[in-house]
Protein backbone atom coordinates (compact mmCIF):
# COMPACT_ATOMS: atom_id res chain seq x y z
CA GLY A 1 12.56 -28.19 -5.40
CA LEU A 2 15.39 -24.98 -5.13
CA ALA A 3 15.85 -23.33 -2.15
CA THR A 4 16.01 -20.17 -2.66
CA SER A 5 20.03 -19.62 -1.44
CA GLN A 6 20.07 -20.98 -5.01
CA ALA A 7 20.77 -19.59 -8.56
CA TYR A 8 17.25 -19.97 -10.33
CA GLY A 9 16.94 -21.49 -14.09
CA ALA A 10 14.85 -18.67 -16.06
CA ASN A 11 11.56 -20.86 -16.31
CA GLU A 12 12.15 -22.08 -12.70
CA ARG A 13 8.85 -22.26 -10.82
CA VAL A 14 8.47 -19.91 -7.78
CA ARG A 15 6.69 -21.34 -5.39
CA LEU A 16 4.21 -19.35 -3.87
CA ALA A 17 2.28 -19.18 -0.38
CA PHE A 18 -0.18 -16.72 0.14
CA VAL A 19 -1.14 -15.39 3.94
CA GLY A 20 -4.40 -13.49 4.35
CA VAL A 21 -7.35 -14.72 0.71
CA GLY A 22 -9.94 -12.09 1.68
CA ASN A 23 -10.00 -9.12 -0.45
CA ARG A 24 -6.89 -8.15 -1.24
CA GLY A 25 -4.79 -11.52 -0.93
CA GLY A 26 -7.44 -13.13 -3.79
CA GLN A 27 -7.03 -9.76 -6.16
CA LEU A 28 -2.28 -10.94 -5.62
CA ILE A 29 -3.71 -15.20 -6.13
CA GLY A 30 -5.09 -13.26 -9.51
CA ALA A 31 -2.04 -11.76 -9.95
CA ALA A 32 0.54 -14.26 -9.45
CA CYS A 33 -1.37 -17.24 -11.53
CA ASN A 34 -1.24 -14.51 -14.43
CA HIS A 35 2.41 -15.97 -14.77
CA ALA A 36 3.52 -19.41 -15.91
CA ASP A 37 6.34 -19.51 -13.56
CA MET A 38 4.28 -19.14 -10.30
CA GLN A 39 2.96 -22.47 -8.27
CA ALA A 40 1.09 -21.95 -5.56
CA ALA A 41 2.87 -24.21 -2.80
CA ALA A 42 -0.33 -23.20 0.06
CA VAL A 43 -2.54 -20.87 1.36
CA CYS A 44 -2.95 -19.61 5.34
CA ASP A 45 -6.03 -17.45 6.24
CA VAL A 46 -8.02 -17.19 9.77
CA TYR A 47 -11.27 -16.85 8.29
CA ALA A 48 -12.11 -21.15 7.05
CA PRO A 49 -13.92 -20.11 4.26
CA TYR A 50 -11.83 -17.88 2.58
CA ARG A 51 -9.06 -20.99 3.32
CA GLU A 52 -11.54 -23.44 1.79
CA LYS A 53 -12.18 -21.53 -1.06
CA TRP A 54 -8.90 -20.80 -2.47
CA ALA A 55 -7.14 -23.66 -1.59
CA ALA A 56 -9.78 -25.89 -3.54
CA GLU A 57 -9.21 -23.74 -6.49
CA LEU A 58 -5.61 -23.92 -6.43
CA LYS A 59 -5.44 -27.20 -5.37
CA CYS A 60 -3.03 -26.58 -2.66
CA PRO A 61 -2.74 -27.14 0.92
CA GLY A 62 -4.66 -24.51 3.11
CA TYR A 63 -3.33 -23.78 7.06
CA GLY A 64 -4.70 -21.54 9.90
CA ASP A 65 -1.41 -21.00 10.77
CA TRP A 66 0.82 -19.43 9.28
CA ARG A 67 3.91 -20.19 11.58
CA GLU A 68 3.22 -23.78 9.80
CA LEU A 69 4.46 -22.48 6.36
CA LEU A 70 7.68 -21.32 7.78
CA ASP A 71 9.70 -24.89 7.60
CA LYS A 72 7.93 -25.99 4.69
CA LYS A 73 10.42 -26.59 2.21
CA ASP A 74 8.85 -26.27 -0.80
CA VAL A 75 8.18 -23.03 -0.30
CA ASP A 76 10.21 -19.92 -1.58
CA ALA A 77 8.29 -17.44 -0.75
CA ILE A 78 5.93 -15.43 1.00
CA VAL A 79 3.29 -13.44 0.04
CA ILE A 80 1.44 -11.31 2.89
CA ALA A 81 -2.13 -9.92 2.87
CA ALA A 82 -2.94 -10.71 6.21
CA PRO A 83 -4.11 -7.08 7.89
CA ASP A 84 -1.22 -4.56 8.81
CA HIS A 85 -1.00 -5.52 12.56
CA TRP A 86 0.37 -8.65 11.25
CA HIS A 87 2.61 -7.49 8.56
CA ALA A 88 5.95 -7.06 10.63
CA LEU A 89 6.07 -10.42 12.53
CA MET A 90 4.99 -12.25 9.03
CA THR A 91 7.64 -10.72 7.76
CA ILE A 92 10.40 -10.98 9.70
CA ALA A 93 9.73 -14.98 10.60
CA ALA A 94 9.24 -15.08 6.92
CA CYS A 95 13.10 -13.15 5.92
CA ARG A 96 14.39 -15.67 8.92
CA ALA A 97 12.81 -18.75 7.41
CA GLY A 98 14.72 -17.80 4.13
CA LYS A 99 11.89 -16.80 2.72
CA ASP A 100 11.53 -13.77 0.17
CA VAL A 101 8.35 -11.96 1.16
CA TYR A 102 6.01 -9.76 -0.58
CA VAL A 103 4.13 -8.21 2.11
CA GLU A 104 0.94 -5.17 0.97
CA LYS A 105 0.68 -1.80 2.36
CA PRO A 106 1.14 -0.81 4.52
CA LEU A 107 4.69 -1.65 5.13
CA SER A 108 4.11 -2.19 9.57
CA TYR A 109 1.39 -0.57 12.68
CA THR A 110 4.43 0.91 14.06
CA ILE A 111 7.67 2.86 12.51
CA ARG A 112 9.39 1.17 14.77
CA GLU A 113 8.06 -1.91 13.22
CA GLY A 114 8.94 -0.92 9.75
CA ARG A 115 12.37 0.01 10.22
CA LYS A 116 13.66 -3.80 11.91
CA MET A 117 11.77 -5.13 8.78
CA VAL A 118 14.11 -3.39 6.70
CA GLU A 119 17.05 -4.76 8.92
CA VAL A 120 16.07 -8.04 9.25
CA ALA A 121 15.34 -8.03 5.41
CA ARG A 122 19.01 -6.72 4.90
CA GLU A 123 20.32 -8.80 7.90
CA THR A 124 19.53 -11.52 5.96
CA LYS A 125 19.26 -10.81 2.33
CA ARG A 126 15.79 -11.53 1.34
CA ILE A 127 13.78 -9.95 -1.05
CA VAL A 128 10.73 -7.48 -0.31
CA GLN A 129 8.62 -6.11 -1.97
CA VAL A 130 5.83 -4.25 -0.80
CA GLY A 131 2.24 -4.10 -2.50
CA THR A 132 2.61 -0.48 -3.03
CA GLN A 133 2.03 -1.63 -7.22
CA ARG A 134 2.16 2.10 -9.04
CA ARG A 135 6.12 1.47 -8.67
CA SER A 136 5.71 -1.11 -11.43
CA SER A 137 4.14 1.55 -13.73
CA PRO A 138 5.97 2.09 -16.53
CA MET A 139 3.61 5.03 -17.41
CA TYR A 140 4.41 7.24 -13.08
CA ALA A 141 8.09 5.62 -14.26
CA GLN A 142 8.65 8.76 -17.26
CA LEU A 143 6.54 10.64 -15.99
CA GLY A 144 8.75 10.66 -13.09
CA GLU A 145 11.50 11.34 -15.34
CA LEU A 146 9.65 14.44 -16.86
CA VAL A 147 8.79 15.65 -13.15
CA ARG A 148 12.68 15.90 -12.16
CA GLY A 149 13.39 16.60 -15.73
CA GLY A 150 11.57 20.24 -15.13
CA LYS A 151 8.87 19.19 -17.59
CA VAL A 152 6.40 21.56 -15.07
CA GLY A 153 9.46 23.71 -13.27
CA LYS A 154 9.59 24.10 -9.48
CA VAL A 155 6.79 21.74 -8.40
CA THR A 156 5.66 23.78 -4.83
CA VAL A 157 2.38 21.57 -4.69
CA SER A 158 1.26 17.62 -5.22
CA ARG A 159 -2.58 16.13 -3.34
CA ALA A 160 -4.15 13.39 -2.99
CA TYR A 161 -7.08 11.75 -2.15
CA ARG A 162 -9.30 9.19 -0.45
CA ILE A 163 -12.99 9.98 -1.39
CA SER A 164 -15.91 7.78 -0.43
CA ASN A 165 -19.12 9.34 1.02
CA MET A 166 -20.29 6.91 3.40
CA ALA A 167 -23.22 9.09 5.33
CA PRO A 168 -24.75 8.15 7.50
CA ALA A 169 -23.82 4.74 8.40
CA GLY A 170 -19.91 4.23 7.31
CA ILE A 171 -19.58 0.58 8.35
CA GLY A 172 -22.79 0.34 10.78
CA ASN A 173 -23.03 0.02 14.05
CA ALA A 174 -23.09 -3.66 15.76
CA ALA A 175 -22.65 -4.91 18.87
CA ASP A 176 -19.36 -6.57 20.47
CA SER A 177 -20.66 -10.28 19.86
CA ILE A 178 -19.62 -14.20 19.60
CA PRO A 179 -17.00 -14.34 16.78
CA PRO A 180 -18.12 -17.51 13.81
CA ALA A 181 -17.39 -20.76 15.02
CA ASP A 182 -15.18 -20.78 11.12
CA LEU A 183 -13.14 -17.48 12.18
CA ASP A 184 -9.57 -17.99 14.83
CA TRP A 185 -10.39 -14.22 16.41
CA ASN A 186 -7.60 -15.11 18.61
CA MET A 187 -5.53 -15.60 15.92
CA TRP A 188 -6.89 -12.70 14.19
CA LEU A 189 -5.95 -10.32 16.71
CA GLY A 190 -2.62 -11.49 17.47
CA PRO A 191 -0.35 -8.92 18.60
CA ARG A 192 -3.36 -6.72 19.47
CA PRO A 193 -5.01 -6.06 22.90
CA GLU A 194 -7.15 -8.51 23.58
CA ARG A 195 -10.84 -7.40 23.05
CA ALA A 196 -14.18 -9.11 21.96
CA PHE A 197 -15.10 -9.79 18.39
CA ASN A 198 -17.30 -7.19 16.18
CA GLU A 199 -18.30 -7.78 12.97
CA THR A 200 -17.27 -3.94 12.25
CA ILE A 201 -13.64 -5.21 12.78
CA ALA A 202 -13.25 -8.77 10.52
CA PRO A 203 -12.72 -9.81 8.26
CA TYR A 204 -13.02 -6.39 6.33
CA LYS A 205 -13.74 -3.53 7.73
CA PHE A 206 -10.45 -3.42 10.84
CA ARG A 207 -9.22 -0.35 8.38
CA TRP A 208 -11.26 2.17 9.72
CA TRP A 209 -10.43 1.39 13.79
CA LYS A 210 -7.05 3.14 14.49
CA GLU A 211 -6.13 0.08 16.65
CA TYR A 212 -5.63 -2.22 13.31
CA SER A 213 -5.15 0.69 11.06
CA SER A 214 -6.33 4.12 9.29
CA GLN A 215 -7.42 5.19 5.41
CA THR A 216 -4.60 7.77 5.83
CA ALA A 217 -1.77 4.45 5.66
CA ASN A 218 -4.45 2.48 3.73
CA TRP A 219 -5.08 4.22 0.64
CA GLY A 220 -2.55 7.39 1.60
CA VAL A 221 0.83 5.53 1.61
CA HIS A 222 -0.14 4.67 -1.70
CA TYR A 223 -0.17 8.68 -2.84
CA PHE A 224 2.67 9.26 -0.74
CA ASP A 225 4.83 7.12 -2.44
CA LEU A 226 3.74 7.77 -6.10
CA LEU A 227 4.72 10.92 -5.05
CA ARG A 228 7.83 11.30 -3.24
CA TRP A 229 8.61 8.93 -6.00
CA LEU A 230 7.03 10.99 -8.66
CA LEU A 231 9.34 14.52 -7.17
CA GLY A 232 12.84 12.44 -5.62
CA GLU A 233 11.56 12.95 -2.13
CA THR A 234 12.59 10.85 0.90
CA ALA A 235 10.97 11.90 3.86
CA PRO A 236 9.00 15.35 5.09
CA VAL A 237 11.15 17.61 7.49
CA SER A 238 7.45 18.26 9.46
CA ILE A 239 3.89 17.21 9.33
CA SER A 240 0.85 18.39 10.25
CA ALA A 241 -2.72 17.04 10.05
CA HIS A 242 -6.75 18.14 11.67
CA GLY A 243 -10.01 16.01 11.20
CA GLY A 244 -12.33 14.05 13.39
CA VAL A 245 -16.05 12.51 13.24
CA PHE A 246 -17.75 14.67 11.67
CA ALA A 247 -21.06 13.25 10.15
CA VAL A 248 -20.63 9.52 10.15
CA LYS A 249 -22.28 7.46 12.93
CA ASP A 250 -20.39 4.17 13.30
CA THR A 251 -18.44 2.34 15.55
CA ARG A 252 -15.20 3.52 13.47
CA THR A 253 -11.92 4.65 15.41
CA ILE A 254 -10.41 7.26 12.57
CA PRO A 255 -11.82 10.24 11.28
CA ASP A 256 -14.26 10.76 8.62
CA THR A 257 -12.88 13.62 7.72
CA MET A 258 -9.14 14.60 7.62
CA GLU A 259 -6.83 16.60 5.92
CA SER A 260 -2.82 16.14 6.45
CA ILE A 261 0.39 18.12 5.26
CA TYR A 262 3.40 16.99 4.46
CA GLU A 263 6.59 19.79 3.83
CA TYR A 264 9.69 18.82 2.26
CA GLY A 265 12.39 20.40 2.80
CA SER A 266 12.93 21.86 -1.23
CA GLY A 267 10.14 23.69 -1.30
CA HIS A 268 7.45 21.64 -1.72
CA LEU A 269 4.12 20.43 0.30
CA THR A 270 1.58 17.41 -0.36
CA MET A 271 -0.99 16.95 1.42
CA PHE A 272 -3.81 14.00 1.46
CA GLY A 273 -7.29 14.15 2.39
CA GLN A 274 -9.54 11.41 3.29
CA TYR A 275 -12.97 12.50 2.75
CA GLU A 276 -15.88 9.89 3.58
CA ALA A 277 -18.38 12.67 4.42
CA SER A 278 -18.59 13.82 0.72
CA GLY A 279 -18.16 11.70 -2.83
CA ASN A 280 -17.51 14.04 -5.65
CA SER A 281 -14.28 14.34 -7.70
CA MET A 282 -11.54 16.35 -6.06
CA PHE A 283 -9.95 16.43 -9.83
CA PRO A 284 -10.82 16.72 -13.35
CA TYR A 285 -8.52 13.58 -14.49
CA GLY A 286 -6.94 10.71 -12.64
CA GLU A 287 -5.97 10.83 -8.89
CA CYS A 288 -3.32 12.84 -8.02
CA GLU A 289 -2.35 16.25 -9.08
CA LEU A 290 1.13 18.10 -9.09
CA ARG A 291 1.46 21.97 -9.68
CA GLY A 292 4.39 23.04 -10.86
CA THR A 293 5.31 26.80 -12.29
CA ASP A 294 4.94 26.19 -15.78
CA GLY A 295 2.09 23.45 -15.52
CA THR A 296 -0.24 21.12 -13.33
CA ILE A 297 -0.08 17.66 -13.78
CA TYR A 298 -3.36 15.38 -13.62
CA ALA A 299 -2.44 12.05 -13.89
CA GLY A 300 -4.17 8.20 -12.67
CA ASN A 301 -3.87 4.95 -14.10
CA ARG A 302 -5.30 5.37 -17.22
CA GLY A 303 -2.64 8.44 -18.39
CA TYR A 304 -1.63 11.40 -17.67
CA GLN A 305 -2.85 15.71 -18.30
CA ILE A 306 -0.30 18.25 -18.38
CA ARG A 307 -2.44 21.40 -18.13
CA GLN A 308 -0.30 24.91 -19.54
CA GLU A 309 0.12 27.82 -16.49
CA LYS A 310 -0.94 31.49 -17.49
CA PRO A 311 1.89 33.89 -16.41
CA GLY A 312 0.30 35.69 -12.96
CA GLN A 313 0.35 39.29 -11.55
CA PHE A 314 3.25 41.59 -12.57
CA GLN A 315 4.65 38.29 -14.65
CA GLU A 316 5.24 39.17 -18.36
CA ASP A 317 3.00 37.40 -20.57
CA GLY A 318 3.17 34.28 -22.81
CA ASP A 319 1.89 30.90 -21.80
CA ARG A 320 4.07 28.57 -20.06
CA GLY A 321 4.91 25.14 -21.02
CA GLU A 322 2.28 23.30 -23.38
CA PRO A 323 -0.99 21.21 -23.23
CA VAL A 324 0.34 17.38 -22.91
CA GLU A 325 -2.56 14.99 -23.11
CA VAL A 326 -0.95 10.84 -23.18
CA LYS A 327 -3.33 7.82 -22.52
CA VAL A 328 -1.99 4.30 -21.94
CA ASP A 329 -3.72 0.58 -21.33
CA GLU A 330 -1.03 -0.50 -19.25
CA GLY A 331 -4.21 -3.45 -17.10
CA ASP A 332 -3.40 -4.19 -13.86
CA VAL A 333 0.19 -3.43 -12.87
CA THR A 334 -0.64 -5.01 -10.02
CA VAL A 335 0.47 -8.14 -12.43
CA GLN A 336 3.39 -6.72 -13.26
CA HIS A 337 4.35 -5.71 -9.67
CA MET A 338 4.09 -9.80 -8.88
CA ARG A 339 6.02 -10.04 -12.53
CA ASN A 340 8.71 -7.66 -11.10
CA PHE A 341 8.96 -9.78 -7.63
CA LEU A 342 9.33 -13.25 -9.22
CA ASP A 343 12.08 -11.94 -11.48
CA CYS A 344 13.64 -10.37 -8.55
CA ILE A 345 13.23 -14.05 -6.57
CA LYS A 346 15.55 -15.54 -9.75
CA SER A 347 18.22 -12.03 -9.99
CA ARG A 348 18.20 -11.20 -6.42
CA LYS A 349 18.08 -7.61 -7.63
CA THR A 350 16.80 -4.87 -5.87
CA PRO A 351 12.48 -5.14 -6.40
CA ASN A 352 10.52 -1.93 -7.90
CA ALA A 353 8.66 -1.76 -4.30
CA ASP A 354 11.96 -2.49 -1.82
CA VAL A 355 11.18 -2.69 1.60
CA GLU A 356 13.32 0.06 2.86
CA GLU A 357 10.80 2.92 0.06
CA GLY A 358 8.20 1.02 1.54
CA HIS A 359 9.13 2.09 4.86
CA ARG A 360 9.16 5.28 4.51
CA SER A 361 6.14 6.25 2.97
CA THR A 362 4.40 4.15 5.36
CA THR A 363 6.46 6.40 8.19
CA ILE A 364 4.77 9.59 6.43
CA ALA A 365 1.23 7.77 6.45
CA HIS A 366 2.14 7.20 10.33
CA LEU A 367 3.63 10.46 10.88
CA GLY A 368 0.01 11.59 9.43
CA ASN A 369 -2.00 9.59 12.19
CA ILE A 370 0.15 10.77 15.14
CA ALA A 371 0.14 14.28 14.59
CA LEU A 372 -3.88 14.29 14.32
CA TRP A 373 -3.86 11.97 16.75
CA THR A 374 -1.38 14.32 19.49
CA LYS A 375 -3.00 17.75 18.10
CA SER A 376 0.90 18.54 17.48
CA ARG A 377 3.28 19.71 14.48
CA LEU A 378 5.23 17.59 13.74
């Protein structure tokens, strides 16, 4: 087999190890298996049922400790879908071991960790693709060219939401308990403070605990990444946020209702709302909105619409722009995002969602949370 420092032939198989093979990890395995030049070399999970299921299905070894993968000569790259608080340590160690990395979003648990991940990726010359898969959507790439080219005039507002009516019971109210025998709870916690097991934390519900994640980081990062890409933005100049637990009675330590506002120096506001106590859609179409002086865009994974603007108070008559409707079938863009990762392992080109881009977008999410917890405008 070839080491990653050597050139790959076009059809050479890239040997991937998958770390964290529950919900999202399983989806990434599915995306990787669409490509004939991918070979599953190993799976790793702290929860035995996940590990055993995928090891059997992929006919490869299963590990309980991710560190055992670092010295394996038959692993070219590591796909990380472990919880957020593990991303930095795993990515940095993998890069230093000479492995390329596909790491799920949010990139890191803290801003400082994210910057360190970028530094180590550059130092070790590794390919690090972040799991913001919309970056591999041809439709969104085309839409970005339209937006940046002035198709809807000056865009002053963009927004997106995470909406789910979790009232009244939310993630539940389990008491702390003994961890299941087939879960390595100590390894799951890893770098986070020691605490008793709770079934509303692991394997999946950690996203509602600020000690491990948040919905602004989990969902918001997709939209912060998408919107700043479409608009050609890098980072906001001021951030504020409001919210709390208003309706849901569960063990969560993040809000059930939250709104964060990000102001860009170019004259633009991006808003992200996390509404987990009401479920009705905010938009007539799609998953995000961009409001321009000559039209409003509603875009989603099946296409986009541009709605005309009418002249407002004291302005000359005449419709602005023209209505546009574009429908696409891009299939699962995660499959294309994995394709881009495999191609970049071979070509050594910068991937669509490079670690620096992932860090910038994850930082936006963290700043929203910091503004909320500190009750301050940053």
